[in-house]
Amino acid sequence: MATLGELLNENTNSITTDADENSKPNAFVSALAGIGSGLFKIPEGFVSLGATLIDLGGDTNKAAEVEEFFAKINPFDEMAEATTAGKITELITNIGVPGGIAFKVGNGLAKGALIAKRSGKYLDLGGDMSKAVSKKIKGGKLDKVENKLFNEAFSIIFNDQYLKTLAEERLLSFWLASCSLDLRSW
C-alpha cells in the first residue's frame, strides 16, 4: 500500500495552478497567432525555395540559415504550434492568401481573354500566316500572297539582313534546312 508521502507527491503533480493555465494559449489565441505565423511563412517559403536551389547548386547550407532567421523573427510561431487550431489556421493562411491572389489574377486574365475573343482581337495562330509557313515547311509552292505572309513571318528574325544573335542564326538554319531553302536567296 502507498505511503502518505507518495500520495501527497502524486496529488501535487496533478494540481495545476493559474500560472500554468495562463502560460498555454487557448485555441482562440492560438488561431489568431496562426494567422500571423502563416503570413510570416509566405515569404519564408519563397526565400527558402531559393535557398534550397542554391544549396543544390553550390553545396551550401543556406536553407538552414534561412529557416533559423525566420524562426527568430516570427513571434507567433510558438503560440500557433501550441494547439491544433493554431496549426490549421497557420496552414490555411499560408496556402489561402497566395492562392486567393493567384485566383483573382487568373480570373482577371480569363475575363480579358473572353472579352478579346468576343471582340475578335484574340491571338489566332491558325491564320493565313501560319498556313503559309506550314505549306512552305511541307515543301509546297506558295503564291504571291502566301509568299508575302511567309516573308513577314520571318522578318522578325532579320533586321537589315543581319542576324541578331547566334541563337537566332541556329534557329534560322534549322528552319531553312527544314524548308529546304538557301540563306543566300534571302
N, C-alpha and C. Protein backbone atom coordinates (compact mmCIF):
# COMPACT_ATOMS: atom_id res chain seq x y z
N MET A 1 0.84 -1.16 0.00
CA MET A 1 0.00 0.00 0.00
C MET A 1 0.89 1.24 0.00
N ALA A 2 0.39 2.31 -0.62
CA ALA A 2 1.17 3.53 -0.77
C ALA A 2 1.24 4.28 0.55
N THR A 3 2.37 4.93 0.76
CA THR A 3 2.54 5.71 1.97
C THR A 3 1.89 7.07 1.80
N LEU A 4 1.76 7.80 2.88
CA LEU A 4 1.15 9.13 2.86
C LEU A 4 1.98 10.10 2.02
N GLY A 5 3.29 9.99 2.07
CA GLY A 5 4.18 10.85 1.29
C GLY A 5 4.02 10.62 -0.21
N GLU A 6 3.87 9.37 -0.61
CA GLU A 6 3.68 9.07 -2.03
C GLU A 6 2.36 9.60 -2.53
N LEU A 7 1.32 9.48 -1.72
CA LEU A 7 0.01 10.02 -2.10
C LEU A 7 0.06 11.54 -2.24
N LEU A 8 0.77 12.19 -1.33
CA LEU A 8 0.87 13.65 -1.40
C LEU A 8 1.66 14.08 -2.64
N ASN A 9 2.73 13.35 -2.98
CA ASN A 9 3.51 13.69 -4.18
C ASN A 9 2.68 13.51 -5.46
N GLU A 10 1.86 12.44 -5.50
CA GLU A 10 1.02 12.22 -6.68
C GLU A 10 0.02 13.34 -6.83
N ASN A 11 -0.57 13.79 -5.75
CA ASN A 11 -1.57 14.85 -5.82
C ASN A 11 -0.96 16.19 -6.19
N THR A 12 0.23 16.46 -5.74
CA THR A 12 0.84 17.75 -6.07
C THR A 12 1.26 17.79 -7.53
N ASN A 13 1.60 16.66 -8.14
CA ASN A 13 1.97 16.65 -9.55
C ASN A 13 0.77 16.88 -10.46
N SER A 14 -0.41 16.47 -10.03
CA SER A 14 -1.58 16.61 -10.88
C SER A 14 -2.29 17.95 -10.68
N ILE A 15 -1.89 18.71 -9.70
CA ILE A 15 -2.51 20.01 -9.46
C ILE A 15 -1.89 21.03 -10.39
N THR A 16 -2.76 21.75 -11.11
CA THR A 16 -2.27 22.81 -11.99
C THR A 16 -2.65 24.14 -11.38
N THR A 17 -1.79 25.08 -11.53
CA THR A 17 -2.03 26.42 -10.98
C THR A 17 -2.55 27.33 -12.09
N ASP A 18 -2.99 28.52 -11.71
CA ASP A 18 -3.45 29.50 -12.68
C ASP A 18 -2.32 29.97 -13.58
N ALA A 19 -1.11 29.99 -13.06
CA ALA A 19 0.04 30.41 -13.87
C ALA A 19 0.28 29.41 -15.01
N ASP A 20 0.13 28.11 -14.71
CA ASP A 20 0.29 27.11 -15.76
C ASP A 20 -0.80 27.24 -16.82
N GLU A 21 -2.02 27.48 -16.38
CA GLU A 21 -3.14 27.62 -17.32
C GLU A 21 -2.95 28.83 -18.22
N ASN A 22 -2.44 29.93 -17.67
CA ASN A 22 -2.28 31.16 -18.44
C ASN A 22 -1.08 31.13 -19.36
N SER A 23 -0.11 30.26 -19.09
CA SER A 23 1.07 30.21 -19.94
C SER A 23 0.80 29.48 -21.25
N LYS A 24 -0.19 28.60 -21.29
CA LYS A 24 -0.56 27.90 -22.51
C LYS A 24 -1.68 28.69 -23.20
N PRO A 25 -1.50 29.03 -24.46
CA PRO A 25 -2.55 29.79 -25.14
C PRO A 25 -3.77 28.92 -25.41
N ASN A 26 -4.96 29.53 -25.32
CA ASN A 26 -6.16 28.78 -25.64
C ASN A 26 -6.31 28.68 -27.15
N ALA A 27 -7.30 27.98 -27.61
CA ALA A 27 -7.46 27.73 -29.04
C ALA A 27 -7.69 29.02 -29.83
N PHE A 28 -8.43 29.96 -29.26
CA PHE A 28 -8.70 31.22 -29.97
C PHE A 28 -7.43 32.03 -30.17
N VAL A 29 -6.65 32.17 -29.11
CA VAL A 29 -5.39 32.92 -29.21
C VAL A 29 -4.42 32.21 -30.15
N SER A 30 -4.39 30.89 -30.08
CA SER A 30 -3.51 30.13 -30.95
C SER A 30 -3.93 30.27 -32.41
N ALA A 31 -5.24 30.33 -32.67
CA ALA A 31 -5.72 30.51 -34.04
C ALA A 31 -5.35 31.89 -34.56
N LEU A 32 -5.47 32.91 -33.73
CA LEU A 32 -5.05 34.25 -34.14
C LEU A 32 -3.54 34.31 -34.40
N ALA A 33 -2.78 33.63 -33.55
CA ALA A 33 -1.33 33.56 -33.77
C ALA A 33 -1.03 32.78 -35.05
N GLY A 34 -1.88 31.80 -35.40
CA GLY A 34 -1.71 31.04 -36.63
C GLY A 34 -1.85 31.92 -37.86
N ILE A 35 -2.74 32.91 -37.80
CA ILE A 35 -2.88 33.85 -38.92
C ILE A 35 -1.59 34.65 -39.09
N GLY A 36 -1.07 35.18 -37.98
CA GLY A 36 0.18 35.94 -38.06
C GLY A 36 1.35 35.09 -38.50
N SER A 37 1.43 33.89 -37.97
CA SER A 37 2.54 32.99 -38.33
C SER A 37 2.42 32.56 -39.79
N GLY A 38 1.20 32.33 -40.25
CA GLY A 38 1.01 31.96 -41.65
C GLY A 38 1.43 33.07 -42.59
N LEU A 39 1.17 34.32 -42.20
CA LEU A 39 1.60 35.46 -43.02
C LEU A 39 3.13 35.57 -43.05
N PHE A 40 3.78 35.24 -41.94
CA PHE A 40 5.25 35.24 -41.90
C PHE A 40 5.80 34.12 -42.79
N LYS A 41 5.08 33.00 -42.86
CA LYS A 41 5.61 31.84 -43.59
C LYS A 41 5.46 31.96 -45.10
N ILE A 42 4.66 32.92 -45.59
CA ILE A 42 4.53 33.10 -47.04
C ILE A 42 5.86 33.54 -47.65
N PRO A 43 6.47 34.65 -47.18
CA PRO A 43 7.78 34.99 -47.76
C PRO A 43 8.86 33.99 -47.38
N GLU A 44 8.70 33.35 -46.22
CA GLU A 44 9.68 32.33 -45.84
C GLU A 44 9.71 31.20 -46.86
N GLY A 45 8.56 30.82 -47.38
CA GLY A 45 8.50 29.76 -48.38
C GLY A 45 9.23 30.13 -49.66
N PHE A 46 9.05 31.38 -50.13
CA PHE A 46 9.73 31.82 -51.34
C PHE A 46 11.24 31.87 -51.14
N VAL A 47 11.67 32.46 -50.03
CA VAL A 47 13.10 32.59 -49.76
C VAL A 47 13.72 31.22 -49.52
N SER A 48 12.99 30.36 -48.84
CA SER A 48 13.50 29.02 -48.56
C SER A 48 13.66 28.21 -49.84
N LEU A 49 12.74 28.39 -50.79
CA LEU A 49 12.86 27.70 -52.07
C LEU A 49 14.13 28.14 -52.80
N GLY A 50 14.38 29.45 -52.82
CA GLY A 50 15.60 29.95 -53.46
C GLY A 50 16.85 29.44 -52.76
N ALA A 51 16.82 29.42 -51.44
CA ALA A 51 17.98 28.94 -50.69
C ALA A 51 18.21 27.45 -50.93
N THR A 52 17.14 26.70 -51.06
CA THR A 52 17.27 25.26 -51.34
C THR A 52 17.90 25.04 -52.71
N LEU A 53 17.49 25.83 -53.69
CA LEU A 53 18.08 25.71 -55.02
C LEU A 53 19.56 26.09 -55.01
N ILE A 54 19.92 27.09 -54.22
CA ILE A 54 21.34 27.47 -54.08
C ILE A 54 22.10 26.32 -53.41
N ASP A 55 21.48 25.69 -52.41
CA ASP A 55 22.11 24.55 -51.75
C ASP A 55 22.37 23.41 -52.73
N LEU A 56 21.42 23.16 -53.60
CA LEU A 56 21.60 22.09 -54.58
C LEU A 56 22.73 22.39 -55.54
N GLY A 57 22.83 23.65 -55.98
CA GLY A 57 23.84 24.00 -56.97
C GLY A 57 25.21 24.25 -56.38
N GLY A 58 25.25 24.81 -55.18
CA GLY A 58 26.53 25.22 -54.63
C GLY A 58 27.01 24.44 -53.44
N ASP A 59 26.27 23.42 -53.03
CA ASP A 59 26.65 22.60 -51.88
C ASP A 59 26.90 23.47 -50.65
N THR A 60 25.92 24.36 -50.37
CA THR A 60 25.99 25.22 -49.19
C THR A 60 24.91 24.80 -48.20
N ASN A 61 24.76 25.55 -47.14
CA ASN A 61 23.74 25.27 -46.13
C ASN A 61 22.87 26.50 -45.90
N LYS A 62 22.49 27.16 -46.99
CA LYS A 62 21.72 28.40 -46.88
C LYS A 62 20.29 28.15 -46.42
N ALA A 63 19.69 27.03 -46.77
CA ALA A 63 18.30 26.75 -46.39
C ALA A 63 18.16 26.70 -44.87
N ALA A 64 19.10 26.08 -44.19
CA ALA A 64 19.05 26.02 -42.72
C ALA A 64 19.21 27.42 -42.12
N GLU A 65 20.07 28.24 -42.71
CA GLU A 65 20.26 29.60 -42.22
C GLU A 65 18.98 30.42 -42.40
N VAL A 66 18.30 30.22 -43.52
CA VAL A 66 17.05 30.93 -43.77
C VAL A 66 15.99 30.50 -42.75
N GLU A 67 15.89 29.21 -42.49
CA GLU A 67 14.92 28.73 -41.51
C GLU A 67 15.21 29.26 -40.12
N GLU A 68 16.47 29.32 -39.74
CA GLU A 68 16.84 29.89 -38.44
C GLU A 68 16.48 31.36 -38.36
N PHE A 69 16.75 32.09 -39.44
CA PHE A 69 16.44 33.52 -39.47
C PHE A 69 14.94 33.76 -39.29
N PHE A 70 14.13 33.04 -40.04
CA PHE A 70 12.69 33.24 -39.94
C PHE A 70 12.14 32.73 -38.61
N ALA A 71 12.76 31.72 -38.03
CA ALA A 71 12.33 31.25 -36.71
C ALA A 71 12.57 32.32 -35.64
N LYS A 72 13.64 33.11 -35.82
CA LYS A 72 13.94 34.17 -34.86
C LYS A 72 12.98 35.35 -34.99
N ILE A 73 12.58 35.68 -36.21
CA ILE A 73 11.77 36.89 -36.39
C ILE A 73 10.27 36.63 -36.33
N ASN A 74 9.83 35.37 -36.32
CA ASN A 74 8.40 35.07 -36.27
C ASN A 74 7.96 34.95 -34.81
N PRO A 75 7.30 35.99 -34.27
CA PRO A 75 6.91 35.94 -32.85
C PRO A 75 5.69 35.07 -32.59
N PHE A 76 4.97 34.67 -33.62
CA PHE A 76 3.72 33.94 -33.44
C PHE A 76 3.88 32.43 -33.57
N ASP A 77 5.05 31.96 -33.95
CA ASP A 77 5.24 30.56 -34.28
C ASP A 77 4.93 29.62 -33.12
N GLU A 78 5.46 29.90 -31.96
CA GLU A 78 5.28 29.00 -30.81
C GLU A 78 3.82 28.97 -30.36
N MET A 79 3.16 30.13 -30.34
CA MET A 79 1.75 30.15 -29.95
C MET A 79 0.88 29.43 -30.96
N ALA A 80 1.22 29.55 -32.24
CA ALA A 80 0.43 28.89 -33.28
C ALA A 80 0.61 27.38 -33.22
N GLU A 81 1.80 26.93 -32.89
CA GLU A 81 2.08 25.49 -32.83
C GLU A 81 1.56 24.84 -31.55
N ALA A 82 1.06 25.63 -30.60
CA ALA A 82 0.63 25.08 -29.31
C ALA A 82 -0.65 24.26 -29.42
N THR A 83 -1.54 24.63 -30.33
CA THR A 83 -2.80 23.90 -30.46
C THR A 83 -3.04 23.50 -31.91
N THR A 84 -3.93 22.58 -32.09
CA THR A 84 -4.28 22.14 -33.44
C THR A 84 -4.97 23.26 -34.20
N ALA A 85 -5.79 24.05 -33.52
CA ALA A 85 -6.47 25.17 -34.18
C ALA A 85 -5.45 26.16 -34.75
N GLY A 86 -4.39 26.41 -34.02
CA GLY A 86 -3.34 27.32 -34.50
C GLY A 86 -2.61 26.75 -35.70
N LYS A 87 -2.32 25.44 -35.66
CA LYS A 87 -1.62 24.81 -36.79
C LYS A 87 -2.48 24.85 -38.05
N ILE A 88 -3.77 24.56 -37.90
CA ILE A 88 -4.67 24.56 -39.07
C ILE A 88 -4.84 25.97 -39.61
N THR A 89 -4.99 26.95 -38.74
CA THR A 89 -5.14 28.34 -39.18
C THR A 89 -3.88 28.82 -39.88
N GLU A 90 -2.73 28.44 -39.36
CA GLU A 90 -1.46 28.80 -39.99
C GLU A 90 -1.37 28.22 -41.40
N LEU A 91 -1.76 26.97 -41.55
CA LEU A 91 -1.72 26.30 -42.85
C LEU A 91 -2.69 26.95 -43.83
N ILE A 92 -3.91 27.22 -43.38
CA ILE A 92 -4.90 27.85 -44.26
C ILE A 92 -4.44 29.23 -44.70
N THR A 93 -3.86 29.99 -43.79
CA THR A 93 -3.36 31.32 -44.14
C THR A 93 -2.19 31.22 -45.11
N ASN A 94 -1.28 30.28 -44.85
CA ASN A 94 -0.09 30.12 -45.68
C ASN A 94 -0.45 29.71 -47.11
N ILE A 95 -1.48 28.91 -47.27
CA ILE A 95 -1.89 28.46 -48.59
C ILE A 95 -2.97 29.38 -49.18
N GLY A 96 -3.89 29.83 -48.35
CA GLY A 96 -5.04 30.58 -48.83
C GLY A 96 -4.73 31.96 -49.35
N VAL A 97 -3.85 32.69 -48.71
CA VAL A 97 -3.57 34.06 -49.15
C VAL A 97 -2.92 34.07 -50.54
N PRO A 98 -1.81 33.36 -50.77
CA PRO A 98 -1.25 33.35 -52.13
C PRO A 98 -2.20 32.71 -53.14
N GLY A 99 -2.92 31.68 -52.71
CA GLY A 99 -3.88 31.03 -53.61
C GLY A 99 -5.00 31.97 -54.00
N GLY A 100 -5.49 32.76 -53.05
CA GLY A 100 -6.55 33.73 -53.34
C GLY A 100 -6.07 34.81 -54.30
N ILE A 101 -4.85 35.27 -54.11
CA ILE A 101 -4.29 36.28 -55.00
C ILE A 101 -4.13 35.70 -56.41
N ALA A 102 -3.62 34.49 -56.49
CA ALA A 102 -3.45 33.84 -57.80
C ALA A 102 -4.80 33.61 -58.47
N PHE A 103 -5.81 33.24 -57.71
CA PHE A 103 -7.14 33.04 -58.27
C PHE A 103 -7.70 34.34 -58.82
N LYS A 104 -7.51 35.43 -58.09
CA LYS A 104 -8.01 36.73 -58.53
C LYS A 104 -7.31 37.17 -59.83
N VAL A 105 -6.00 37.00 -59.90
CA VAL A 105 -5.25 37.36 -61.11
C VAL A 105 -5.68 36.48 -62.28
N GLY A 106 -5.79 35.18 -62.04
CA GLY A 106 -6.21 34.25 -63.09
C GLY A 106 -7.61 34.55 -63.59
N ASN A 107 -8.49 34.93 -62.67
CA ASN A 107 -9.85 35.27 -63.04
C ASN A 107 -9.86 36.51 -63.95
N GLY A 108 -9.05 37.50 -63.62
CA GLY A 108 -8.95 38.71 -64.45
C GLY A 108 -8.38 38.39 -65.83
N LEU A 109 -7.37 37.52 -65.89
CA LEU A 109 -6.81 37.13 -67.19
C LEU A 109 -7.82 36.38 -68.04
N ALA A 110 -8.59 35.50 -67.40
CA ALA A 110 -9.59 34.74 -68.14
C ALA A 110 -10.69 35.66 -68.68
N LYS A 111 -11.12 36.63 -67.87
CA LYS A 111 -12.13 37.58 -68.33
C LYS A 111 -11.61 38.39 -69.50
N GLY A 112 -10.34 38.83 -69.41
CA GLY A 112 -9.74 39.58 -70.51
C GLY A 112 -9.65 38.76 -71.78
N ALA A 113 -9.32 37.48 -71.65
CA ALA A 113 -9.24 36.60 -72.82
C ALA A 113 -10.61 36.40 -73.44
N LEU A 114 -11.64 36.25 -72.61
CA LEU A 114 -13.00 36.09 -73.15
C LEU A 114 -13.47 37.34 -73.87
N ILE A 115 -13.17 38.50 -73.29
CA ILE A 115 -13.55 39.77 -73.94
C ILE A 115 -12.82 39.92 -75.27
N ALA A 116 -11.52 39.58 -75.30
CA ALA A 116 -10.75 39.68 -76.54
C ALA A 116 -11.27 38.69 -77.59
N LYS A 117 -11.67 37.51 -77.16
CA LYS A 117 -12.18 36.52 -78.09
C LYS A 117 -13.50 36.99 -78.71
N ARG A 118 -14.38 37.57 -77.87
CA ARG A 118 -15.66 38.06 -78.37
C ARG A 118 -15.50 39.24 -79.32
N SER A 119 -14.50 40.08 -79.07
CA SER A 119 -14.29 41.26 -79.91
C SER A 119 -13.44 40.95 -81.14
N GLY A 120 -12.95 39.72 -81.26
CA GLY A 120 -12.17 39.34 -82.43
C GLY A 120 -10.71 39.76 -82.35
N LYS A 121 -10.23 40.16 -81.18
CA LYS A 121 -8.84 40.61 -81.03
C LYS A 121 -7.96 39.57 -80.35
N TYR A 122 -8.46 38.37 -80.24
CA TYR A 122 -7.71 37.29 -79.59
C TYR A 122 -6.67 36.75 -80.55
N LEU A 123 -5.52 36.37 -80.04
CA LEU A 123 -4.44 35.84 -80.87
C LEU A 123 -4.88 34.53 -81.52
N ASP A 124 -4.79 34.49 -82.84
CA ASP A 124 -5.19 33.30 -83.58
C ASP A 124 -3.98 32.78 -84.34
N LEU A 125 -3.48 31.65 -83.90
CA LEU A 125 -2.31 31.05 -84.55
C LEU A 125 -2.70 30.23 -85.77
N GLY A 126 -3.97 30.10 -86.04
CA GLY A 126 -4.40 29.31 -87.18
C GLY A 126 -4.73 30.17 -88.38
N GLY A 127 -4.17 31.36 -88.48
CA GLY A 127 -4.48 32.27 -89.57
C GLY A 127 -3.74 31.95 -90.84
N ASP A 128 -3.83 32.88 -91.80
CA ASP A 128 -3.21 32.69 -93.11
C ASP A 128 -1.69 32.60 -93.02
N MET A 129 -1.08 33.36 -92.07
CA MET A 129 0.37 33.36 -91.96
C MET A 129 0.88 31.98 -91.54
N SER A 130 0.22 31.37 -90.55
CA SER A 130 0.67 30.05 -90.11
C SER A 130 0.40 29.00 -91.18
N LYS A 131 -0.67 29.17 -91.96
CA LYS A 131 -0.94 28.24 -93.06
C LYS A 131 0.16 28.34 -94.13
N ALA A 132 0.61 29.57 -94.40
CA ALA A 132 1.68 29.76 -95.39
C ALA A 132 2.99 29.14 -94.91
N VAL A 133 3.31 29.33 -93.63
CA VAL A 133 4.53 28.75 -93.08
C VAL A 133 4.46 27.23 -93.12
N SER A 134 3.32 26.66 -92.74
CA SER A 134 3.16 25.21 -92.77
C SER A 134 3.29 24.67 -94.19
N LYS A 135 2.70 25.38 -95.15
CA LYS A 135 2.76 24.94 -96.54
C LYS A 135 4.19 24.96 -97.05
N LYS A 136 4.96 26.01 -96.68
CA LYS A 136 6.35 26.12 -97.12
C LYS A 136 7.21 25.03 -96.48
N ILE A 137 6.96 24.75 -95.19
CA ILE A 137 7.73 23.72 -94.50
C ILE A 137 7.49 22.35 -95.14
N LYS A 138 6.26 22.12 -95.55
CA LYS A 138 5.93 20.83 -96.17
C LYS A 138 6.42 20.75 -97.62
N GLY A 139 6.99 21.85 -98.14
CA GLY A 139 7.56 21.82 -99.49
C GLY A 139 6.60 22.26 -100.57
N GLY A 140 5.48 22.84 -100.19
CA GLY A 140 4.51 23.29 -101.18
C GLY A 140 4.93 24.59 -101.85
N LYS A 141 4.31 24.85 -103.00
CA LYS A 141 4.59 26.07 -103.75
C LYS A 141 3.67 27.16 -103.24
N LEU A 142 4.22 28.36 -102.95
CA LEU A 142 3.45 29.48 -102.43
C LEU A 142 3.10 30.44 -103.55
N ASP A 143 1.88 30.98 -103.50
CA ASP A 143 1.54 32.04 -104.44
C ASP A 143 2.05 33.37 -103.90
N LYS A 144 1.76 34.49 -104.56
CA LYS A 144 2.31 35.79 -104.16
C LYS A 144 1.88 36.20 -102.76
N VAL A 145 0.61 36.05 -102.46
CA VAL A 145 0.10 36.45 -101.14
C VAL A 145 0.71 35.58 -100.05
N GLU A 146 0.75 34.27 -100.25
CA GLU A 146 1.33 33.37 -99.26
C GLU A 146 2.82 33.61 -99.09
N ASN A 147 3.52 33.91 -100.18
CA ASN A 147 4.94 34.21 -100.10
C ASN A 147 5.19 35.47 -99.27
N LYS A 148 4.32 36.48 -99.45
CA LYS A 148 4.46 37.71 -98.66
C LYS A 148 4.21 37.42 -97.18
N LEU A 149 3.20 36.63 -96.89
CA LEU A 149 2.92 36.26 -95.49
C LEU A 149 4.08 35.48 -94.89
N PHE A 150 4.66 34.56 -95.67
CA PHE A 150 5.81 33.78 -95.20
C PHE A 150 6.99 34.70 -94.90
N ASN A 151 7.26 35.64 -95.79
CA ASN A 151 8.37 36.58 -95.58
C ASN A 151 8.12 37.46 -94.36
N GLU A 152 6.88 37.88 -94.13
CA GLU A 152 6.55 38.67 -92.95
C GLU A 152 6.76 37.87 -91.67
N ALA A 153 6.45 36.58 -91.73
CA ALA A 153 6.63 35.73 -90.55
C ALA A 153 8.09 35.65 -90.15
N PHE A 154 8.99 35.65 -91.13
CA PHE A 154 10.41 35.54 -90.83
C PHE A 154 11.13 36.88 -90.80
N SER A 155 10.42 37.97 -91.02
CA SER A 155 11.06 39.28 -90.96
C SER A 155 11.43 39.67 -89.53
N ILE A 156 10.81 39.01 -88.57
CA ILE A 156 11.13 39.27 -87.17
C ILE A 156 12.57 38.83 -86.88
N ILE A 157 13.00 37.76 -87.52
CA ILE A 157 14.33 37.23 -87.27
C ILE A 157 15.40 38.16 -87.84
N PHE A 158 15.10 38.81 -88.94
CA PHE A 158 16.08 39.66 -89.61
C PHE A 158 15.90 41.12 -89.24
N ASN A 159 17.00 41.83 -89.16
CA ASN A 159 16.98 43.27 -89.01
C ASN A 159 18.05 43.81 -89.96
N ASP A 160 17.64 44.36 -91.06
CA ASP A 160 18.55 44.86 -92.10
C ASP A 160 19.48 43.76 -92.59
N GLN A 161 18.95 42.60 -92.81
CA GLN A 161 19.65 41.45 -93.37
C GLN A 161 20.76 40.91 -92.46
N TYR A 162 20.81 41.29 -91.21
CA TYR A 162 21.82 40.76 -90.28
C TYR A 162 21.13 40.02 -89.14
N LEU A 163 21.67 38.92 -88.76
CA LEU A 163 21.12 38.17 -87.64
C LEU A 163 21.53 38.83 -86.33
N LYS A 164 20.62 38.83 -85.37
CA LYS A 164 20.91 39.50 -84.11
C LYS A 164 21.77 38.64 -83.19
N THR A 165 21.48 37.40 -83.06
CA THR A 165 22.23 36.56 -82.12
C THR A 165 22.55 35.20 -82.72
N LEU A 166 23.44 34.51 -82.08
CA LEU A 166 23.79 33.16 -82.51
C LEU A 166 22.59 32.22 -82.38
N ALA A 167 21.78 32.43 -81.38
CA ALA A 167 20.60 31.58 -81.20
C ALA A 167 19.64 31.73 -82.37
N GLU A 168 19.45 32.96 -82.83
CA GLU A 168 18.59 33.18 -83.99
C GLU A 168 19.19 32.56 -85.24
N GLU A 169 20.51 32.61 -85.36
CA GLU A 169 21.16 32.02 -86.52
C GLU A 169 20.95 30.51 -86.53
N ARG A 170 21.05 29.87 -85.36
CA ARG A 170 20.82 28.43 -85.29
C ARG A 170 19.36 28.10 -85.57
N LEU A 171 18.46 28.92 -85.03
CA LEU A 171 17.05 28.72 -85.30
C LEU A 171 16.76 28.87 -86.78
N LEU A 172 17.36 29.90 -87.39
CA LEU A 172 17.16 30.13 -88.81
C LEU A 172 17.71 28.98 -89.64
N SER A 173 18.89 28.49 -89.29
CA SER A 173 19.47 27.40 -90.06
C SER A 173 18.60 26.14 -89.95
N PHE A 174 18.01 25.92 -88.77
CA PHE A 174 17.11 24.79 -88.61
C PHE A 174 15.89 24.96 -89.50
N TRP A 175 15.30 26.16 -89.47
CA TRP A 175 14.12 26.41 -90.30
C TRP A 175 14.45 26.31 -91.78
N LEU A 176 15.58 26.86 -92.16
CA LEU A 176 15.95 26.82 -93.57
C LEU A 176 16.22 25.40 -94.03
N ALA A 177 16.84 24.60 -93.17
CA ALA A 177 17.10 23.22 -93.52
C ALA A 177 15.79 22.45 -93.65
N SER A 178 14.86 22.72 -92.75
CA SER A 178 13.59 22.01 -92.82
C SER A 178 12.73 22.50 -93.98
N CYS A 179 12.94 23.74 -94.41
CA CYS A 179 12.18 24.28 -95.54
C CYS A 179 12.92 24.08 -96.85
N SER A 180 14.11 23.53 -96.81
CA SER A 180 15.00 23.33 -97.96
C SER A 180 15.21 24.64 -98.72
N LEU A 181 15.55 25.70 -97.96
CA LEU A 181 15.86 27.00 -98.55
C LEU A 181 17.35 27.26 -98.43
N ASP A 182 17.81 28.22 -99.15
CA ASP A 182 19.21 28.63 -99.08
C ASP A 182 19.25 30.05 -98.52
N LEU A 183 20.15 30.31 -97.56
CA LEU A 183 20.25 31.63 -96.96
C LEU A 183 20.57 32.71 -97.98
N ARG A 184 21.31 32.36 -99.01
CA ARG A 184 21.71 33.38 -100.00
C ARG A 184 20.52 33.85 -100.82
N SER A 185 19.43 33.09 -100.86
CA SER A 185 18.30 33.52 -101.66
C SER A 185 17.49 34.60 -100.96
N TRP A 186 17.75 34.85 -99.71
CA TRP A 186 17.03 35.89 -98.98
C TRP A 186 17.66 37.20 -99.33
